[in-house]
Amino acid sequence: MSEGKTLTDESPKSRMIALILCFLTGWLGGHRFYCNKVGTGIVMMLTMGGFGLWYFVDLVMISLGSFKDKDNLPIVKW
């Protein structure tokens, strides 16, 4: 098992926090920094959330529980 993976293969991050961060600071990539995706967080910040599209896609993915953290684990726990 690699570092960061749990026995249930779920991210320890909270989906609620990611959703709130995405809603409030999504255009700055706040939710991506929370999920340890620093590189794409910086790109989101520089492009204002991918000109709004990337922000919207992430908002939907987090809402549906299909968004993943840096270790490719789904963020499903509320």
PDB file of N, CA and C in Angstrom:
ATOM      1  N   MET A   1       0.837  -1.169   0.000  1.00  0.00           N
ATOM      2  CA  MET A   1       0.000   0.000   0.000  1.00  0.00           C
ATOM      3  C   MET A   1       0.888   1.239   0.000  1.00  0.00           C
ATOM      4  N   SER A   2       0.597   2.208  -0.874  1.00  0.00           N
ATOM      5  CA  SER A   2       1.426   3.403  -0.920  1.00  0.00           C
ATOM      6  C   SER A   2       0.996   4.386   0.166  1.00  0.00           C
ATOM      7  N   GLU A   3       1.858   5.346   0.419  1.00  0.00           N
ATOM      8  CA  GLU A   3       1.587   6.321   1.464  1.00  0.00           C
ATOM      9  C   GLU A   3       0.337   7.129   1.130  1.00  0.00           C
ATOM     10  N   GLY A   4      -0.510   7.357   2.096  1.00  0.00           N
ATOM     11  CA  GLY A   4      -1.711   8.151   1.910  1.00  0.00           C
ATOM     12  C   GLY A   4      -2.952   7.331   1.605  1.00  0.00           C
ATOM     13  N   LYS A   5      -2.803   6.085   1.222  1.00  0.00           N
ATOM     14  CA  LYS A   5      -3.967   5.247   0.932  1.00  0.00           C
ATOM     15  C   LYS A   5      -4.475   4.618   2.214  1.00  0.00           C
ATOM     16  N   THR A   6      -5.783   4.578   2.321  1.00  0.00           N
ATOM     17  CA  THR A   6      -6.396   3.964   3.490  1.00  0.00           C
ATOM     18  C   THR A   6      -6.893   2.574   3.115  1.00  0.00           C
ATOM     19  N   LEU A   7      -7.324   1.833   4.090  1.00  0.00           N
ATOM     20  CA  LEU A   7      -7.824   0.489   3.820  1.00  0.00           C
ATOM     21  C   LEU A   7      -9.112   0.520   2.997  1.00  0.00           C
ATOM     22  N   THR A   8      -9.887   1.585   3.119  1.00  0.00           N
ATOM     23  CA  THR A   8     -11.149   1.677   2.387  1.00  0.00           C
ATOM     24  C   THR A   8     -10.984   2.346   1.031  1.00  0.00           C
ATOM     25  N   ASP A   9      -9.810   2.787   0.703  1.00  0.00           N
ATOM     26  CA  ASP A   9      -9.517   3.489  -0.547  1.00  0.00           C
ATOM     27  C   ASP A   9     -10.405   4.709  -0.748  1.00  0.00           C
ATOM     28  N   GLU A  10     -10.611   5.462   0.332  1.00  0.00           N
ATOM     29  CA  GLU A  10     -11.307   6.739   0.294  1.00  0.00           C
ATOM     30  C   GLU A  10     -10.373   7.807   0.823  1.00  0.00           C
ATOM     31  N   SER A  11     -10.511   8.987   0.312  1.00  0.00           N
ATOM     32  CA  SER A  11      -9.698  10.095   0.781  1.00  0.00           C
ATOM     33  C   SER A  11     -10.108  10.494   2.192  1.00  0.00           C
ATOM     34  N   PRO A  12      -9.145  10.895   3.016  1.00  0.00           N
ATOM     35  CA  PRO A  12      -9.501  11.386   4.356  1.00  0.00           C
ATOM     36  C   PRO A  12     -10.081  12.807   4.317  1.00  0.00           C
ATOM     37  N   LYS A  13     -10.040  13.448   3.175  1.00  0.00           N
ATOM     38  CA  LYS A  13     -10.559  14.812   3.024  1.00  0.00           C
ATOM     39  C   LYS A  13     -12.084  14.811   3.080  1.00  0.00           C
ATOM     40  N   SER A  14     -12.642  15.938   3.512  1.00  0.00           N
ATOM     41  CA  SER A  14     -14.087  16.082   3.632  1.00  0.00           C
ATOM     42  C   SER A  14     -14.684  16.639   2.339  1.00  0.00           C
ATOM     43  N   ARG A  15     -15.715  15.982   1.846  1.00  0.00           N
ATOM     44  CA  ARG A  15     -16.396  16.433   0.637  1.00  0.00           C
ATOM     45  C   ARG A  15     -17.122  17.753   0.873  1.00  0.00           C
ATOM     46  N   MET A  16     -17.657  17.939   2.081  1.00  0.00           N
ATOM     47  CA  MET A  16     -18.359  19.177   2.417  1.00  0.00           C
ATOM     48  C   MET A  16     -17.407  20.368   2.377  1.00  0.00           C
ATOM     49  N   ILE A  17     -16.229  20.205   2.962  1.00  0.00           N
ATOM     50  CA  ILE A  17     -15.253  21.293   2.963  1.00  0.00           C
ATOM     51  C   ILE A  17     -14.806  21.585   1.533  1.00  0.00           C
ATOM     52  N   ALA A  18     -14.554  20.543   0.752  1.00  0.00           N
ATOM     53  CA  ALA A  18     -14.152  20.738  -0.644  1.00  0.00           C
ATOM     54  C   ALA A  18     -15.249  21.457  -1.424  1.00  0.00           C
ATOM     55  N   LEU A  19     -16.498  21.102  -1.177  1.00  0.00           N
ATOM     56  CA  LEU A  19     -17.617  21.727  -1.872  1.00  0.00           C
ATOM     57  C   LEU A  19     -17.754  23.200  -1.488  1.00  0.00           C
ATOM     58  N   ILE A  20     -17.632  23.502  -0.210  1.00  0.00           N
ATOM     59  CA  ILE A  20     -17.722  24.893   0.240  1.00  0.00           C
ATOM     60  C   ILE A  20     -16.564  25.709  -0.324  1.00  0.00           C
ATOM     61  N   LEU A  21     -15.360  25.136  -0.278  1.00  0.00           N
ATOM     62  CA  LEU A  21     -14.207  25.843  -0.836  1.00  0.00           C
ATOM     63  C   LEU A  21     -14.361  26.066  -2.330  1.00  0.00           C
ATOM     64  N   CYS A  22     -14.880  25.078  -3.030  1.00  0.00           N
ATOM     65  CA  CYS A  22     -15.083  25.215  -4.463  1.00  0.00           C
ATOM     66  C   CYS A  22     -16.117  26.296  -4.752  1.00  0.00           C
ATOM     67  N   PHE A  23     -17.195  26.312  -3.994  1.00  0.00           N
ATOM     68  CA  PHE A  23     -18.249  27.302  -4.212  1.00  0.00           C
ATOM     69  C   PHE A  23     -17.743  28.720  -3.943  1.00  0.00           C
ATOM     70  N   LEU A  24     -16.984  28.892  -2.845  1.00  0.00           N
ATOM     71  CA  LEU A  24     -16.542  30.225  -2.449  1.00  0.00           C
ATOM     72  C   LEU A  24     -15.262  30.683  -3.148  1.00  0.00           C
ATOM     73  N   THR A  25     -14.317  29.755  -3.338  1.00  0.00           N
ATOM     74  CA  THR A  25     -13.011  30.145  -3.900  1.00  0.00           C
ATOM     75  C   THR A  25     -12.626  29.288  -5.093  1.00  0.00           C
ATOM     76  N   GLY A  26     -13.619  28.711  -5.761  1.00  0.00           N
ATOM     77  CA  GLY A  26     -13.332  27.815  -6.877  1.00  0.00           C
ATOM     78  C   GLY A  26     -12.563  28.465  -8.001  1.00  0.00           C
ATOM     79  N   TRP A  27     -12.861  29.713  -8.277  1.00  0.00           N
ATOM     80  CA  TRP A  27     -12.160  30.405  -9.361  1.00  0.00           C
ATOM     81  C   TRP A  27     -10.698  30.673  -9.011  1.00  0.00           C
ATOM     82  N   LEU A  28     -10.357  30.535  -7.713  1.00  0.00           N
ATOM     83  CA  LEU A  28      -8.961  30.656  -7.270  1.00  0.00           C
ATOM     84  C   LEU A  28      -8.326  29.290  -7.018  1.00  0.00           C
ATOM     85  N   GLY A  29      -9.096  28.225  -7.171  1.00  0.00           N
ATOM     86  CA  GLY A  29      -8.567  26.877  -6.973  1.00  0.00           C
ATOM     87  C   GLY A  29      -8.431  26.475  -5.526  1.00  0.00           C
ATOM     88  N   GLY A  30      -9.160  27.119  -4.619  1.00  0.00           N
ATOM     89  CA  GLY A  30      -9.054  26.820  -3.189  1.00  0.00           C
ATOM     90  C   GLY A  30      -9.298  25.366  -2.850  1.00  0.00           C
ATOM     91  N   HIS A  31     -10.249  24.755  -3.504  1.00  0.00           N
ATOM     92  CA  HIS A  31     -10.563  23.344  -3.254  1.00  0.00           C
ATOM     93  C   HIS A  31      -9.439  22.436  -3.731  1.00  0.00           C
ATOM     94  N   ARG A  32      -8.744  22.833  -4.769  1.00  0.00           N
ATOM     95  CA  ARG A  32      -7.619  22.029  -5.266  1.00  0.00           C
ATOM     96  C   ARG A  32      -6.439  22.091  -4.306  1.00  0.00           C
ATOM     97  N   PHE A  33      -6.186  23.253  -3.713  1.00  0.00           N
ATOM     98  CA  PHE A  33      -5.139  23.348  -2.702  1.00  0.00           C
ATOM     99  C   PHE A  33      -5.500  22.489  -1.495  1.00  0.00           C
ATOM    100  N   TYR A  34      -6.778  22.471  -1.106  1.00  0.00           N
ATOM    101  CA  TYR A  34      -7.245  21.645   0.013  1.00  0.00           C
ATOM    102  C   TYR A  34      -6.998  20.162  -0.270  1.00  0.00           C
ATOM    103  N   CYS A  35      -7.151  19.743  -1.517  1.00  0.00           N
ATOM    104  CA  CYS A  35      -6.966  18.337  -1.908  1.00  0.00           C
ATOM    105  C   CYS A  35      -5.522  18.024  -2.280  1.00  0.00           C
ATOM    106  N   ASN A  36      -4.616  18.930  -1.953  1.00  0.00           N
ATOM    107  CA  ASN A  36      -3.173  18.796  -2.219  1.00  0.00           C
ATOM    108  C   ASN A  36      -2.828  18.764  -3.700  1.00  0.00           C
ATOM    109  N   LYS A  37      -3.685  19.298  -4.536  1.00  0.00           N
ATOM    110  CA  LYS A  37      -3.407  19.402  -5.968  1.00  0.00           C
ATOM    111  C   LYS A  37      -2.887  20.811  -6.243  1.00  0.00           C
ATOM    112  N   VAL A  38      -1.671  21.086  -5.760  1.00  0.00           N
ATOM    113  CA  VAL A  38      -1.118  22.436  -5.796  1.00  0.00           C
ATOM    114  C   VAL A  38      -0.880  22.912  -7.225  1.00  0.00           C
ATOM    115  N   GLY A  39      -0.340  22.053  -8.068  1.00  0.00           N
ATOM    116  CA  GLY A  39      -0.048  22.450  -9.450  1.00  0.00           C
ATOM    117  C   GLY A  39      -1.281  22.912 -10.198  1.00  0.00           C
ATOM    118  N   THR A  40      -2.346  22.123 -10.145  1.00  0.00           N
ATOM    119  CA  THR A  40      -3.568  22.511 -10.849  1.00  0.00           C
ATOM    120  C   THR A  40      -4.277  23.658 -10.113  1.00  0.00           C
ATOM    121  N   GLY A  41      -4.041  23.781  -8.817  1.00  0.00           N
ATOM    122  CA  GLY A  41      -4.583  24.922  -8.078  1.00  0.00           C
ATOM    123  C   GLY A  41      -3.978  26.218  -8.565  1.00  0.00           C
ATOM    124  N   ILE A  42      -2.681  26.215  -8.813  1.00  0.00           N
ATOM    125  CA  ILE A  42      -2.004  27.416  -9.332  1.00  0.00           C
ATOM    126  C   ILE A  42      -2.502  27.743 -10.733  1.00  0.00           C
ATOM    127  N   VAL A  43      -2.655  26.717 -11.573  1.00  0.00           N
ATOM    128  CA  VAL A  43      -3.167  26.941 -12.928  1.00  0.00           C
ATOM    129  C   VAL A  43      -4.581  27.507 -12.872  1.00  0.00           C
ATOM    130  N   MET A  44      -5.405  26.992 -11.970  1.00  0.00           N
ATOM    131  CA  MET A  44      -6.766  27.511 -11.816  1.00  0.00           C
ATOM    132  C   MET A  44      -6.751  28.961 -11.371  1.00  0.00           C
ATOM    133  N   MET A  45      -5.836  29.287 -10.468  1.00  0.00           N
ATOM    134  CA  MET A  45      -5.738  30.654  -9.987  1.00  0.00           C
ATOM    135  C   MET A  45      -5.342  31.606 -11.125  1.00  0.00           C
ATOM    136  N   LEU A  46      -4.423  31.173 -11.957  1.00  0.00           N
ATOM    137  CA  LEU A  46      -3.949  32.017 -13.057  1.00  0.00           C
ATOM    138  C   LEU A  46      -4.966  32.175 -14.182  1.00  0.00           C
ATOM    139  N   THR A  47      -5.858  31.193 -14.336  1.00  0.00           N
ATOM    140  CA  THR A  47      -6.850  31.240 -15.419  1.00  0.00           C
ATOM    141  C   THR A  47      -8.254  31.574 -14.909  1.00  0.00           C
ATOM    142  N   MET A  48      -8.337  32.006 -13.642  1.00  0.00           N
ATOM    143  CA  MET A  48      -9.630  32.347 -13.028  1.00  0.00           C
ATOM    144  C   MET A  48     -10.604  31.176 -13.123  1.00  0.00           C
ATOM    145  N   GLY A  49     -10.156  30.029 -12.678  1.00  0.00           N
ATOM    146  CA  GLY A  49     -11.001  28.835 -12.659  1.00  0.00           C
ATOM    147  C   GLY A  49     -11.227  28.256 -14.033  1.00  0.00           C
ATOM    148  N   GLY A  50     -10.204  28.351 -14.873  1.00  0.00           N
ATOM    149  CA  GLY A  50     -10.351  27.833 -16.241  1.00  0.00           C
ATOM    150  C   GLY A  50     -11.435  28.584 -16.990  1.00  0.00           C
ATOM    151  N   PHE A  51     -11.450  29.924 -16.773  1.00  0.00           N
ATOM    152  CA  PHE A  51     -12.432  30.816 -17.401  1.00  0.00           C
ATOM    153  C   PHE A  51     -13.863  30.422 -17.042  1.00  0.00           C
ATOM    154  N   GLY A  52     -14.031  29.844 -15.839  1.00  0.00           N
ATOM    155  CA  GLY A  52     -15.347  29.494 -15.328  1.00  0.00           C
ATOM    156  C   GLY A  52     -15.768  28.067 -15.619  1.00  0.00           C
ATOM    157  N   LEU A  53     -15.263  27.481 -16.689  1.00  0.00           N
ATOM    158  CA  LEU A  53     -15.666  26.120 -17.051  1.00  0.00           C
ATOM    159  C   LEU A  53     -15.101  25.083 -16.085  1.00  0.00           C
ATOM    160  N   TRP A  54     -13.817  25.168 -15.829  1.00  0.00           N
ATOM    161  CA  TRP A  54     -13.143  24.218 -14.951  1.00  0.00           C
ATOM    162  C   TRP A  54     -13.753  24.289 -13.553  1.00  0.00           C
ATOM    163  N   TYR A  55     -14.039  25.501 -13.097  1.00  0.00           N
ATOM    164  CA  TYR A  55     -14.676  25.712 -11.799  1.00  0.00           C
ATOM    165  C   TYR A  55     -16.026  24.991 -11.748  1.00  0.00           C
ATOM    166  N   PHE A  56     -16.838  25.147 -12.781  1.00  0.00           N
ATOM    167  CA  PHE A  56     -18.159  24.533 -12.818  1.00  0.00           C
ATOM    168  C   PHE A  56     -18.066  23.002 -12.840  1.00  0.00           C
ATOM    169  N   VAL A  57     -17.149  22.471 -13.641  1.00  0.00           N
ATOM    170  CA  VAL A  57     -16.971  21.013 -13.727  1.00  0.00           C
ATOM    171  C   VAL A  57     -16.551  20.453 -12.368  1.00  0.00           C
ATOM    172  N   ASP A  58     -15.614  21.120 -11.699  1.00  0.00           N
ATOM    173  CA  ASP A  58     -15.180  20.660 -10.375  1.00  0.00           C
ATOM    174  C   ASP A  58     -16.321  20.719  -9.370  1.00  0.00           C
ATOM    175  N   LEU A  59     -17.138  21.756  -9.431  1.00  0.00           N
ATOM    176  CA  LEU A  59     -18.278  21.892  -8.526  1.00  0.00           C
ATOM    177  C   LEU A  59     -19.243  20.721  -8.693  1.00  0.00           C
ATOM    178  N   VAL A  60     -19.518  20.348  -9.920  1.00  0.00           N
ATOM    179  CA  VAL A  60     -20.410  19.217 -10.192  1.00  0.00           C
ATOM    180  C   VAL A  60     -19.766  17.906  -9.741  1.00  0.00           C
ATOM    181  N   MET A  61     -18.478  17.718 -10.039  1.00  0.00           N
ATOM    182  CA  MET A  61     -17.786  16.478  -9.670  1.00  0.00           C
ATOM    183  C   MET A  61     -17.731  16.295  -8.155  1.00  0.00           C
ATOM    184  N   ILE A  62     -17.480  17.373  -7.420  1.00  0.00           N
ATOM    185  CA  ILE A  62     -17.448  17.275  -5.958  1.00  0.00           C
ATOM    186  C   ILE A  62     -18.849  16.944  -5.440  1.00  0.00           C
ATOM    187  N   SER A  63     -19.863  17.592  -5.994  1.00  0.00           N
ATOM    188  CA  SER A  63     -21.244  17.346  -5.575  1.00  0.00           C
ATOM    189  C   SER A  63     -21.649  15.891  -5.775  1.00  0.00           C
ATOM    190  N   LEU A  64     -21.198  15.296  -6.869  1.00  0.00           N
ATOM    191  CA  LEU A  64     -21.552  13.909  -7.180  1.00  0.00           C
ATOM    192  C   LEU A  64     -20.647  12.880  -6.509  1.00  0.00           C
ATOM    193  N   GLY A  65     -19.556  13.338  -5.888  1.00  0.00           N
ATOM    194  CA  GLY A  65     -18.648  12.425  -5.205  1.00  0.00           C
ATOM    195  C   GLY A  65     -17.628  11.760  -6.110  1.00  0.00           C
ATOM    196  N   SER A  66     -17.400  12.325  -7.293  1.00  0.00           N
ATOM    197  CA  SER A  66     -16.432  11.713  -8.207  1.00  0.00           C
ATOM    198  C   SER A  66     -15.111  12.479  -8.267  1.00  0.00           C
ATOM    199  N   PHE A  67     -14.958  13.511  -7.454  1.00  0.00           N
ATOM    200  CA  PHE A  67     -13.713  14.277  -7.409  1.00  0.00           C
ATOM    201  C   PHE A  67     -12.683  13.501  -6.604  1.00  0.00           C
ATOM    202  N   LYS A  68     -11.429  13.532  -7.032  1.00  0.00           N
ATOM    203  CA  LYS A  68     -10.377  12.759  -6.363  1.00  0.00           C
ATOM    204  C   LYS A  68      -9.275  13.676  -5.856  1.00  0.00           C
ATOM    205  N   ASP A  69      -8.576  13.203  -4.814  1.00  0.00           N
ATOM    206  CA  ASP A  69      -7.470  13.974  -4.262  1.00  0.00           C
ATOM    207  C   ASP A  69      -6.172  13.657  -5.012  1.00  0.00           C
ATOM    208  N   LYS A  70      -5.069  14.177  -4.503  1.00  0.00           N
ATOM    209  CA  LYS A  70      -3.775  13.999  -5.161  1.00  0.00           C
ATOM    210  C   LYS A  70      -3.373  12.531  -5.285  1.00  0.00           C
ATOM    211  N   ASP A  71      -3.784  11.707  -4.328  1.00  0.00           N
ATOM    212  CA  ASP A  71      -3.443  10.289  -4.339  1.00  0.00           C
ATOM    213  C   ASP A  71      -4.431   9.458  -5.163  1.00  0.00           C
ATOM    214  N   ASN A  72      -5.293  10.137  -5.922  1.00  0.00           N
ATOM    215  CA  ASN A  72      -6.297   9.507  -6.788  1.00  0.00           C
ATOM    216  C   ASN A  72      -7.333   8.722  -5.988  1.00  0.00           C
ATOM    217  N   LEU A  73      -7.598   9.169  -4.768  1.00  0.00           N
ATOM    218  CA  LEU A  73      -8.629   8.565  -3.930  1.00  0.00           C
ATOM    219  C   LEU A  73      -9.885   9.429  -3.991  1.00  0.00           C
ATOM    220  N   PRO A  74     -11.057   8.831  -4.165  1.00  0.00           N
ATOM    221  CA  PRO A  74     -12.282   9.642  -4.243  1.00  0.00           C
ATOM    222  C   PRO A  74     -12.611  10.300  -2.903  1.00  0.00           C
ATOM    223  N   ILE A  75     -13.040  11.554  -2.990  1.00  0.00           N
ATOM    224  CA  ILE A  75     -13.452  12.295  -1.798  1.00  0.00           C
ATOM    225  C   ILE A  75     -14.959  12.086  -1.667  1.00  0.00           C
ATOM    226  N   VAL A  76     -15.354  11.177  -0.782  1.00  0.00           N
ATOM    227  CA  VAL A  76     -16.762  10.814  -0.668  1.00  0.00           C
ATOM    228  C   VAL A  76     -17.344  11.081   0.726  1.00  0.00           C
ATOM    229  N   LYS A  77     -16.518  11.181   1.759  1.00  0.00           N
ATOM    230  CA  LYS A  77     -17.035  11.379   3.110  1.00  0.00           C
ATOM    231  C   LYS A  77     -17.498  12.823   3.293  1.00  0.00           C
ATOM    232  N   TRP A  78     -18.708  12.997   3.782  1.00  0.00           N
ATOM    233  CA  TRP A  78     -19.229  14.340   4.040  1.00  0.00           C
ATOM    234  C   TRP A  78     -18.587  14.863   5.314  1.00  0.00           C
TER     235      TRP A  78
END
